[in-house]
Amino acid sequence: MELRVLRYFLAVAEEGNITRAAQLLRLSQPTLSRQLKQLEEELGVTLFHRGPHTITLTDEGQLLRERAQSIVALTDKTVGELKRSAHELTGEIVIGCGEVRAMTYLSQHMSAFRALHPNVKFHVTSTTSDLIQERIEQGLMDFGLLTEPVDVDQYDYLRPGIPDHWGAFVPDDHPLATRETVTPDDLRGTPLILPSRASVRRLLINWFDDNAHDSQFNSLTIAGYCNLPGNGANMAANGMGIYLCYDLGNTYPGVRMIPLSPALDCETVFVWKKQGMRSPAAIEFARYLG
């Protein structure tokens, strides 16, 4: 498979129409169709369901799209790193982050680093810790700002020392909305929205089991899961339940953030791979933080 043809395939998969994709790629429609047919013959599979006006991906096409996106992204990242200036530090540093208070620490250090190296760019993506670790392993991200618990044995890392505090987004019209804190017993029998990450939910399990009176986590009413505070707060405001998450100081309409009692705190850790090639910019940033 040629990288050029993978880019053709991704363009067609995105557009769902060969004619439009050919126009974007500045190719003739017959040329693009021929390239796709040759790719299918090379792989020995059918990649598209071809309709009169649109085409859709087969299961094999969906798999190739997922792989091709990673291949093309990693290739583009590598090319950008190799084209750096011989005299100035340049390039792009890719960081995955959860929505945590330690982002302030990271932002301050990114700003200070760019003052020293103005030709370096930072690409920050907000997503879950599990996906960040996967992309670091694939080489698609250089660093990750992760919430504990994290197995740090496979990483070089540092801890910013800025903990996050758990709280509950409670709807304004809920009986608990006037409370200064909420306890495990307060939440029994109330629909709850929990974080999507399984390892983080285990922290909540321990908090419930250690602090409730005759209440077990499995007896709680779970209405759903969400990994972004804004979406979770919206779900809570519209009657889905009480959303348990970090208190980042954000406010959202229709809900009030109330701290948990006893207090539940969580640390963050900034990680990067121990082994494997990293760009000069990423290596220098790690050294700068060190």
Foldseek 3Di string as FASTA:
>chain_A
DDLVLLVLLLLQQVVQFQCVSCVVVVHDSVVSVVSQVVVCVVVVHDQWDDDPGGIHGDPVVVVSNVVSVLVNLQVVQVVQLVPDDPVADAGEAEEEEEPFLCVVVVVVLVVVVCVVHVRYHYHYHYDAPVVRVVCLVSVNHFKYKHWDPDDCPQWDWDFPPDKFWKWKWAFCPDPCQPPQADELVNQAPWEEEEAPDPVVVVLVQCRNVVTDDPDHPVNGHYQYYDRHVVVQNVCNQVPSTMYMDTPNVDDDPRTDIHGYPVIDIITIMMTGGPDDDDRPVSVVSVVVVD
